[in-house]
Amino acid sequence: ALRLSQNKEEFLWKKYSTDKSRTMAKIKIRQIKSQIGRLKNQKRTLEALGLRKMNQVVEHEATPQILGMIDKVKHLISVEET
């Protein structure tokens, strides 16, 4: 089981790493649609990403956790790599 978790971690680093120094790729996230009338979990996800206003831009590292949050609210945001 230990070997499997090491392979998974190595896979994720290779997939999202920009260089060999183990730094994650940076992404810019912009809220393009309102959170009014959305489900509570979607509102909380936007808040967890740091988005509170329309057209607000935040920058995060492309970790699997952040990418999962982005997937949940992809219809409300735009994403670009930096």
PDB file of N, CA and C in Angstrom:
ATOM      1  N   ALA A   1       0.832  -1.197   0.000  1.00  0.00           N
ATOM      2  CA  ALA A   1       0.000   0.000   0.000  1.00  0.00           C
ATOM      3  C   ALA A   1       0.869   1.251   0.000  1.00  0.00           C
ATOM      4  N   LEU A   2       2.004   1.185   0.667  1.00  0.00           N
ATOM      5  CA  LEU A   2       2.900   2.323   0.710  1.00  0.00           C
ATOM      6  C   LEU A   2       3.435   2.647  -0.681  1.00  0.00           C
ATOM      7  N   ARG A   3       3.765   1.631  -1.426  1.00  0.00           N
ATOM      8  CA  ARG A   3       4.295   1.818  -2.777  1.00  0.00           C
ATOM      9  C   ARG A   3       3.267   2.507  -3.676  1.00  0.00           C
ATOM     10  N   LEU A   4       2.001   2.134  -3.556  1.00  0.00           N
ATOM     11  CA  LEU A   4       0.951   2.716  -4.381  1.00  0.00           C
ATOM     12  C   LEU A   4       0.794   4.206  -4.081  1.00  0.00           C
ATOM     13  N   SER A   5       0.812   4.585  -2.805  1.00  0.00           N
ATOM     14  CA  SER A   5       0.646   5.998  -2.471  1.00  0.00           C
ATOM     15  C   SER A   5       1.837   6.823  -2.956  1.00  0.00           C
ATOM     16  N   GLN A   6       3.040   6.251  -2.936  1.00  0.00           N
ATOM     17  CA  GLN A   6       4.199   6.969  -3.445  1.00  0.00           C
ATOM     18  C   GLN A   6       4.067   7.183  -4.951  1.00  0.00           C
ATOM     19  N   ASN A   7       3.591   6.182  -5.672  1.00  0.00           N
ATOM     20  CA  ASN A   7       3.412   6.321  -7.110  1.00  0.00           C
ATOM     21  C   ASN A   7       2.362   7.371  -7.430  1.00  0.00           C
ATOM     22  N   LYS A   8       1.284   7.402  -6.651  1.00  0.00           N
ATOM     23  CA  LYS A   8       0.221   8.372  -6.893  1.00  0.00           C
ATOM     24  C   LYS A   8       0.728   9.788  -6.662  1.00  0.00           C
ATOM     25  N   GLU A   9       1.477   9.994  -5.578  1.00  0.00           N
ATOM     26  CA  GLU A   9       2.017  11.318  -5.298  1.00  0.00           C
ATOM     27  C   GLU A   9       2.987  11.749  -6.392  1.00  0.00           C
ATOM     28  N   GLU A  10       3.831  10.823  -6.828  1.00  0.00           N
ATOM     29  CA  GLU A  10       4.783  11.133  -7.888  1.00  0.00           C
ATOM     30  C   GLU A  10       4.053  11.470  -9.187  1.00  0.00           C
ATOM     31  N   PHE A  11       2.981  10.751  -9.492  1.00  0.00           N
ATOM     32  CA  PHE A  11       2.196  11.008 -10.691  1.00  0.00           C
ATOM     33  C   PHE A  11       1.603  12.412 -10.655  1.00  0.00           C
ATOM     34  N   LEU A  12       1.025  12.795  -9.504  1.00  0.00           N
ATOM     35  CA  LEU A  12       0.411  14.116  -9.397  1.00  0.00           C
ATOM     36  C   LEU A  12       1.450  15.221  -9.534  1.00  0.00           C
ATOM     37  N   TRP A  13       2.636  15.047  -8.941  1.00  0.00           N
ATOM     38  CA  TRP A  13       3.682  16.052  -9.078  1.00  0.00           C
ATOM     39  C   TRP A  13       4.116  16.191 -10.529  1.00  0.00           C
ATOM     40  N   LYS A  14       4.267  15.064 -11.224  1.00  0.00           N
ATOM     41  CA  LYS A  14       4.679  15.127 -12.626  1.00  0.00           C
ATOM     42  C   LYS A  14       3.607  15.779 -13.488  1.00  0.00           C
ATOM     43  N   LYS A  15       2.336  15.466 -13.202  1.00  0.00           N
ATOM     44  CA  LYS A  15       1.246  15.978 -14.020  1.00  0.00           C
ATOM     45  C   LYS A  15       1.096  17.491 -13.889  1.00  0.00           C
ATOM     46  N   TYR A  16       1.221  18.033 -12.676  1.00  0.00           N
ATOM     47  CA  TYR A  16       0.939  19.449 -12.449  1.00  0.00           C
ATOM     48  C   TYR A  16       2.181  20.302 -12.213  1.00  0.00           C
ATOM     49  N   SER A  17       3.351  19.709 -12.272  1.00  0.00           N
ATOM     50  CA  SER A  17       4.568  20.461 -12.020  1.00  0.00           C
ATOM     51  C   SER A  17       5.013  21.190 -13.282  1.00  0.00           C
ATOM     52  N   THR A  18       5.530  22.403 -13.099  1.00  0.00           N
ATOM     53  CA  THR A  18       6.008  23.173 -14.246  1.00  0.00           C
ATOM     54  C   THR A  18       7.487  22.945 -14.490  1.00  0.00           C
ATOM     55  N   ASP A  19       8.223  22.593 -13.438  1.00  0.00           N
ATOM     56  CA  ASP A  19       9.643  22.299 -13.606  1.00  0.00           C
ATOM     57  C   ASP A  19      10.044  21.207 -12.618  1.00  0.00           C
ATOM     58  N   LYS A  20      11.279  20.835 -12.645  1.00  0.00           N
ATOM     59  CA  LYS A  20      11.738  19.709 -11.836  1.00  0.00           C
ATOM     60  C   LYS A  20      12.011  20.079 -10.380  1.00  0.00           C
ATOM     61  N   SER A  21      11.885  21.329 -10.014  1.00  0.00           N
ATOM     62  CA  SER A  21      12.156  21.735  -8.634  1.00  0.00           C
ATOM     63  C   SER A  21      10.929  21.553  -7.734  1.00  0.00           C
ATOM     64  N   ARG A  22       9.958  20.826  -8.208  1.00  0.00           N
ATOM     65  CA  ARG A  22       8.744  20.497  -7.454  1.00  0.00           C
ATOM     66  C   ARG A  22       7.943  21.729  -7.046  1.00  0.00           C
ATOM     67  N   THR A  23       7.834  22.699  -7.927  1.00  0.00           N
ATOM     68  CA  THR A  23       6.941  23.817  -7.691  1.00  0.00           C
ATOM     69  C   THR A  23       5.716  23.614  -8.568  1.00  0.00           C
ATOM     70  N   MET A  24       4.576  23.888  -8.014  1.00  0.00           N
ATOM     71  CA  MET A  24       3.335  23.671  -8.743  1.00  0.00           C
ATOM     72  C   MET A  24       3.096  24.823  -9.718  1.00  0.00           C
ATOM     73  N   ALA A  25       2.358  24.531 -10.786  1.00  0.00           N
ATOM     74  CA  ALA A  25       2.001  25.551 -11.759  1.00  0.00           C
ATOM     75  C   ALA A  25       1.024  26.533 -11.111  1.00  0.00           C
ATOM     76  N   LYS A  26       1.128  27.788 -11.480  1.00  0.00           N
ATOM     77  CA  LYS A  26       0.218  28.812 -10.975  1.00  0.00           C
ATOM     78  C   LYS A  26      -0.932  28.980 -11.960  1.00  0.00           C
ATOM     79  N   ILE A  27      -2.133  29.196 -11.422  1.00  0.00           N
ATOM     80  CA  ILE A  27      -3.295  29.445 -12.267  1.00  0.00           C
ATOM     81  C   ILE A  27      -4.040  30.666 -11.738  1.00  0.00           C
ATOM     82  N   LYS A  28      -4.625  31.426 -12.655  1.00  0.00           N
ATOM     83  CA  LYS A  28      -5.445  32.584 -12.301  1.00  0.00           C
ATOM     84  C   LYS A  28      -6.903  32.196 -12.485  1.00  0.00           C
ATOM     85  N   ILE A  29      -7.713  32.518 -11.490  1.00  0.00           N
ATOM     86  CA  ILE A  29      -9.130  32.175 -11.511  1.00  0.00           C
ATOM     87  C   ILE A  29      -9.918  33.479 -11.416  1.00  0.00           C
ATOM     88  N   ARG A  30     -10.862  33.674 -12.348  1.00  0.00           N
ATOM     89  CA  ARG A  30     -11.710  34.874 -12.361  1.00  0.00           C
ATOM     90  C   ARG A  30     -13.171  34.452 -12.277  1.00  0.00           C
ATOM     91  N   GLN A  31     -13.925  35.103 -11.385  1.00  0.00           N
ATOM     92  CA  GLN A  31     -15.358  34.820 -11.290  1.00  0.00           C
ATOM     93  C   GLN A  31     -16.061  35.598 -12.392  1.00  0.00           C
ATOM     94  N   ILE A  32     -16.776  34.880 -13.278  1.00  0.00           N
ATOM     95  CA  ILE A  32     -17.419  35.534 -14.416  1.00  0.00           C
ATOM     96  C   ILE A  32     -18.935  35.524 -14.326  1.00  0.00           C
ATOM     97  N   LYS A  33     -19.499  34.735 -13.398  1.00  0.00           N
ATOM     98  CA  LYS A  33     -20.950  34.708 -13.205  1.00  0.00           C
ATOM     99  C   LYS A  33     -21.257  34.872 -11.727  1.00  0.00           C
ATOM    100  N   SER A  34     -22.438  35.388 -11.444  1.00  0.00           N
ATOM    101  CA  SER A  34     -22.841  35.667 -10.076  1.00  0.00           C
ATOM    102  C   SER A  34     -23.128  34.387  -9.301  1.00  0.00           C
ATOM    103  N   GLN A  35     -22.922  34.461  -7.997  1.00  0.00           N
ATOM    104  CA  GLN A  35     -23.246  33.326  -7.142  1.00  0.00           C
ATOM    105  C   GLN A  35     -24.680  33.405  -6.619  1.00  0.00           C
ATOM    106  N   ILE A  36     -25.403  34.460  -6.959  1.00  0.00           N
ATOM    107  CA  ILE A  36     -26.789  34.611  -6.519  1.00  0.00           C
ATOM    108  C   ILE A  36     -27.631  33.497  -7.141  1.00  0.00           C
ATOM    109  N   GLY A  37     -28.398  32.817  -6.320  1.00  0.00           N
ATOM    110  CA  GLY A  37     -29.272  31.751  -6.784  1.00  0.00           C
ATOM    111  C   GLY A  37     -28.575  30.415  -6.974  1.00  0.00           C
ATOM    112  N   ARG A  38     -27.324  30.314  -6.579  1.00  0.00           N
ATOM    113  CA  ARG A  38     -26.579  29.056  -6.725  1.00  0.00           C
ATOM    114  C   ARG A  38     -26.728  28.216  -5.464  1.00  0.00           C
ATOM    115  N   LEU A  39     -26.363  26.960  -5.570  1.00  0.00           N
ATOM    116  CA  LEU A  39     -26.414  26.070  -4.421  1.00  0.00           C
ATOM    117  C   LEU A  39     -25.418  26.525  -3.355  1.00  0.00           C
ATOM    118  N   LYS A  40     -25.731  26.193  -2.113  1.00  0.00           N
ATOM    119  CA  LYS A  40     -24.897  26.621  -0.995  1.00  0.00           C
ATOM    120  C   LYS A  40     -23.468  26.089  -1.108  1.00  0.00           C
ATOM    121  N   ASN A  41     -23.331  24.835  -1.564  1.00  0.00           N
ATOM    122  CA  ASN A  41     -21.974  24.284  -1.681  1.00  0.00           C
ATOM    123  C   ASN A  41     -21.166  25.003  -2.753  1.00  0.00           C
ATOM    124  N   GLN A  42     -21.815  25.489  -3.812  1.00  0.00           N
ATOM    125  CA  GLN A  42     -21.107  26.252  -4.839  1.00  0.00           C
ATOM    126  C   GLN A  42     -20.674  27.611  -4.306  1.00  0.00           C
ATOM    127  N   LYS A  43     -21.529  28.252  -3.509  1.00  0.00           N
ATOM    128  CA  LYS A  43     -21.166  29.531  -2.900  1.00  0.00           C
ATOM    129  C   LYS A  43     -19.973  29.354  -1.967  1.00  0.00           C
ATOM    130  N   ARG A  44     -19.998  28.284  -1.195  1.00  0.00           N
ATOM    131  CA  ARG A  44     -18.901  28.029  -0.259  1.00  0.00           C
ATOM    132  C   ARG A  44     -17.604  27.698  -0.989  1.00  0.00           C
ATOM    133  N   THR A  45     -17.716  27.025  -2.118  1.00  0.00           N
ATOM    134  CA  THR A  45     -16.523  26.712  -2.901  1.00  0.00           C
ATOM    135  C   THR A  45     -15.901  27.978  -3.465  1.00  0.00           C
ATOM    136  N   LEU A  46     -16.727  28.891  -3.978  1.00  0.00           N
ATOM    137  CA  LEU A  46     -16.197  30.169  -4.465  1.00  0.00           C
ATOM    138  C   LEU A  46     -15.502  30.927  -3.341  1.00  0.00           C
ATOM    139  N   GLU A  47     -16.111  30.924  -2.168  1.00  0.00           N
ATOM    140  CA  GLU A  47     -15.515  31.615  -1.032  1.00  0.00           C
ATOM    141  C   GLU A  47     -14.188  30.963  -0.620  1.00  0.00           C
ATOM    142  N   ALA A  48     -14.144  29.634  -0.666  1.00  0.00           N
ATOM    143  CA  ALA A  48     -12.909  28.921  -0.322  1.00  0.00           C
ATOM    144  C   ALA A  48     -11.798  29.227  -1.322  1.00  0.00           C
ATOM    145  N   LEU A  49     -12.164  29.481  -2.559  1.00  0.00           N
ATOM    146  CA  LEU A  49     -11.181  29.865  -3.574  1.00  0.00           C
ATOM    147  C   LEU A  49     -10.741  31.315  -3.416  1.00  0.00           C
ATOM    148  N   GLY A  50     -11.463  32.084  -2.591  1.00  0.00           N
ATOM    149  CA  GLY A  50     -11.117  33.485  -2.379  1.00  0.00           C
ATOM    150  C   GLY A  50     -11.875  34.433  -3.274  1.00  0.00           C
ATOM    151  N   LEU A  51     -12.922  33.946  -3.923  1.00  0.00           N
ATOM    152  CA  LEU A  51     -13.714  34.771  -4.839  1.00  0.00           C
ATOM    153  C   LEU A  51     -14.969  35.257  -4.128  1.00  0.00           C
ATOM    154  N   ARG A  52     -15.106  36.577  -3.999  1.00  0.00           N
ATOM    155  CA  ARG A  52     -16.259  37.137  -3.315  1.00  0.00           C
ATOM    156  C   ARG A  52     -17.025  38.135  -4.177  1.00  0.00           C
ATOM    157  N   LYS A  53     -16.410  38.617  -5.256  1.00  0.00           N
ATOM    158  CA  LYS A  53     -17.041  39.611  -6.124  1.00  0.00           C
ATOM    159  C   LYS A  53     -16.906  39.181  -7.584  1.00  0.00           C
ATOM    160  N   MET A  54     -17.765  39.721  -8.406  1.00  0.00           N
ATOM    161  CA  MET A  54     -17.676  39.484  -9.843  1.00  0.00           C
ATOM    162  C   MET A  54     -16.373  40.078 -10.385  1.00  0.00           C
ATOM    163  N   ASN A  55     -15.779  39.404 -11.350  1.00  0.00           N
ATOM    164  CA  ASN A  55     -14.541  39.814 -12.028  1.00  0.00           C
ATOM    165  C   ASN A  55     -13.337  39.884 -11.103  1.00  0.00           C
ATOM    166  N   GLN A  56     -13.453  39.355  -9.900  1.00  0.00           N
ATOM    167  CA  GLN A  56     -12.303  39.281  -9.004  1.00  0.00           C
ATOM    168  C   GLN A  56     -11.384  38.169  -9.488  1.00  0.00           C
ATOM    169  N   VAL A  57     -10.067  38.416  -9.423  1.00  0.00           N
ATOM    170  CA  VAL A  57      -9.087  37.437  -9.866  1.00  0.00           C
ATOM    171  C   VAL A  57      -8.239  37.022  -8.677  1.00  0.00           C
ATOM    172  N   VAL A  58      -8.063  35.712  -8.525  1.00  0.00           N
ATOM    173  CA  VAL A  58      -7.167  35.178  -7.498  1.00  0.00           C
ATOM    174  C   VAL A  58      -6.185  34.238  -8.171  1.00  0.00           C
ATOM    175  N   GLU A  59      -5.030  34.065  -7.551  1.00  0.00           N
ATOM    176  CA  GLU A  59      -4.007  33.176  -8.098  1.00  0.00           C
ATOM    177  C   GLU A  59      -3.735  32.071  -7.084  1.00  0.00           C
ATOM    178  N   HIS A  60      -3.735  30.835  -7.562  1.00  0.00           N
ATOM    179  CA  HIS A  60      -3.479  29.671  -6.727  1.00  0.00           C
ATOM    180  C   HIS A  60      -2.499  28.750  -7.426  1.00  0.00           C
ATOM    181  N   GLU A  61      -1.892  27.865  -6.651  1.00  0.00           N
ATOM    182  CA  GLU A  61      -1.099  26.796  -7.231  1.00  0.00           C
ATOM    183  C   GLU A  61      -2.056  25.705  -7.699  1.00  0.00           C
ATOM    184  N   ALA A  62      -1.682  24.988  -8.750  1.00  0.00           N
ATOM    185  CA  ALA A  62      -2.554  23.973  -9.348  1.00  0.00           C
ATOM    186  C   ALA A  62      -2.435  22.652  -8.596  1.00  0.00           C
ATOM    187  N   THR A  63      -2.871  22.651  -7.345  1.00  0.00           N
ATOM    188  CA  THR A  63      -2.860  21.420  -6.563  1.00  0.00           C
ATOM    189  C   THR A  63      -4.106  20.611  -6.894  1.00  0.00           C
ATOM    190  N   PRO A  64      -4.114  19.331  -6.610  1.00  0.00           N
ATOM    191  CA  PRO A  64      -5.320  18.533  -6.873  1.00  0.00           C
ATOM    192  C   PRO A  64      -6.546  19.050  -6.114  1.00  0.00           C
ATOM    193  N   GLN A  65      -6.350  19.611  -4.923  1.00  0.00           N
ATOM    194  CA  GLN A  65      -7.475  20.139  -4.160  1.00  0.00           C
ATOM    195  C   GLN A  65      -8.084  21.355  -4.848  1.00  0.00           C
ATOM    196  N   ILE A  66      -7.253  22.258  -5.307  1.00  0.00           N
ATOM    197  CA  ILE A  66      -7.739  23.457  -5.999  1.00  0.00           C
ATOM    198  C   ILE A  66      -8.397  23.070  -7.314  1.00  0.00           C
ATOM    199  N   LEU A  67      -7.809  22.138  -8.047  1.00  0.00           N
ATOM    200  CA  LEU A  67      -8.394  21.706  -9.317  1.00  0.00           C
ATOM    201  C   LEU A  67      -9.746  21.047  -9.105  1.00  0.00           C
ATOM    202  N   GLY A  68      -9.935  20.346  -8.000  1.00  0.00           N
ATOM    203  CA  GLY A  68     -11.231  19.759  -7.679  1.00  0.00           C
ATOM    204  C   GLY A  68     -12.273  20.828  -7.401  1.00  0.00           C
ATOM    205  N   MET A  69     -11.874  21.883  -6.683  1.00  0.00           N
ATOM    206  CA  MET A  69     -12.796  22.988  -6.412  1.00  0.00           C
ATOM    207  C   MET A  69     -13.164  23.703  -7.706  1.00  0.00           C
ATOM    208  N   ILE A  70     -12.179  23.887  -8.575  1.00  0.00           N
ATOM    209  CA  ILE A  70     -12.435  24.529  -9.866  1.00  0.00           C
ATOM    210  C   ILE A  70     -13.454  23.727 -10.670  1.00  0.00           C
ATOM    211  N   ASP A  71     -13.331  22.419 -10.639  1.00  0.00           N
ATOM    212  CA  ASP A  71     -14.254  21.558 -11.379  1.00  0.00           C
ATOM    213  C   ASP A  71     -15.689  21.705 -10.880  1.00  0.00           C
ATOM    214  N   LYS A  72     -15.874  21.944  -9.588  1.00  0.00           N
ATOM    215  CA  LYS A  72     -17.214  22.079  -9.013  1.00  0.00           C
ATOM    216  C   LYS A  72     -17.926  23.357  -9.449  1.00  0.00           C
ATOM    217  N   VAL A  73     -17.157  24.404  -9.732  1.00  0.00           N
ATOM    218  CA  VAL A  73     -17.766  25.691 -10.088  1.00  0.00           C
ATOM    219  C   VAL A  73     -17.279  26.192 -11.446  1.00  0.00           C
ATOM    220  N   LYS A  74     -16.942  25.270 -12.332  1.00  0.00           N
ATOM    221  CA  LYS A  74     -16.367  25.659 -13.628  1.00  0.00           C
ATOM    222  C   LYS A  74     -17.315  26.499 -14.476  1.00  0.00           C
ATOM    223  N   HIS A  75     -18.613  26.412 -14.213  1.00  0.00           N
ATOM    224  CA  HIS A  75     -19.588  27.206 -14.972  1.00  0.00           C
ATOM    225  C   HIS A  75     -19.672  28.648 -14.479  1.00  0.00           C
ATOM    226  N   LEU A  76     -19.031  28.961 -13.357  1.00  0.00           N
ATOM    227  CA  LEU A  76     -19.065  30.299 -12.782  1.00  0.00           C
ATOM    228  C   LEU A  76     -17.752  31.055 -12.907  1.00  0.00           C
ATOM    229  N   ILE A  77     -16.700  30.376 -13.359  1.00  0.00           N
ATOM    230  CA  ILE A  77     -15.363  30.968 -13.367  1.00  0.00           C
ATOM    231  C   ILE A  77     -14.671  30.761 -14.706  1.00  0.00           C
ATOM    232  N   SER A  78     -13.600  31.497 -14.914  1.00  0.00           N
ATOM    233  CA  SER A  78     -12.688  31.228 -16.024  1.00  0.00           C
ATOM    234  C   SER A  78     -11.305  31.019 -15.425  1.00  0.00           C
ATOM    235  N   VAL A  79     -10.523  30.153 -16.046  1.00  0.00           N
ATOM    236  CA  VAL A  79      -9.217  29.777 -15.515  1.00  0.00           C
ATOM    237  C   VAL A  79      -8.171  29.931 -16.605  1.00  0.00           C
ATOM    238  N   GLU A  80      -7.015  30.484 -16.240  1.00  0.00           N
ATOM    239  CA  GLU A  80      -5.903  30.556 -17.177  1.00  0.00           C
ATOM    240  C   GLU A  80      -4.610  30.276 -16.436  1.00  0.00           C
ATOM    241  N   GLU A  81      -3.677  29.613 -17.121  1.00  0.00           N
ATOM    242  CA  GLU A  81      -2.382  29.329 -16.528  1.00  0.00           C
ATOM    243  C   GLU A  81      -1.487  30.559 -16.654  1.00  0.00           C
ATOM    244  N   THR A  82      -0.619  30.726 -15.654  1.00  0.00           N
ATOM    245  CA  THR A  82       0.306  31.861 -15.711  1.00  0.00           C
ATOM    246  C   THR A  82       1.720  31.382 -15.875  1.00  0.00           C
TER     247      THR A  82
END
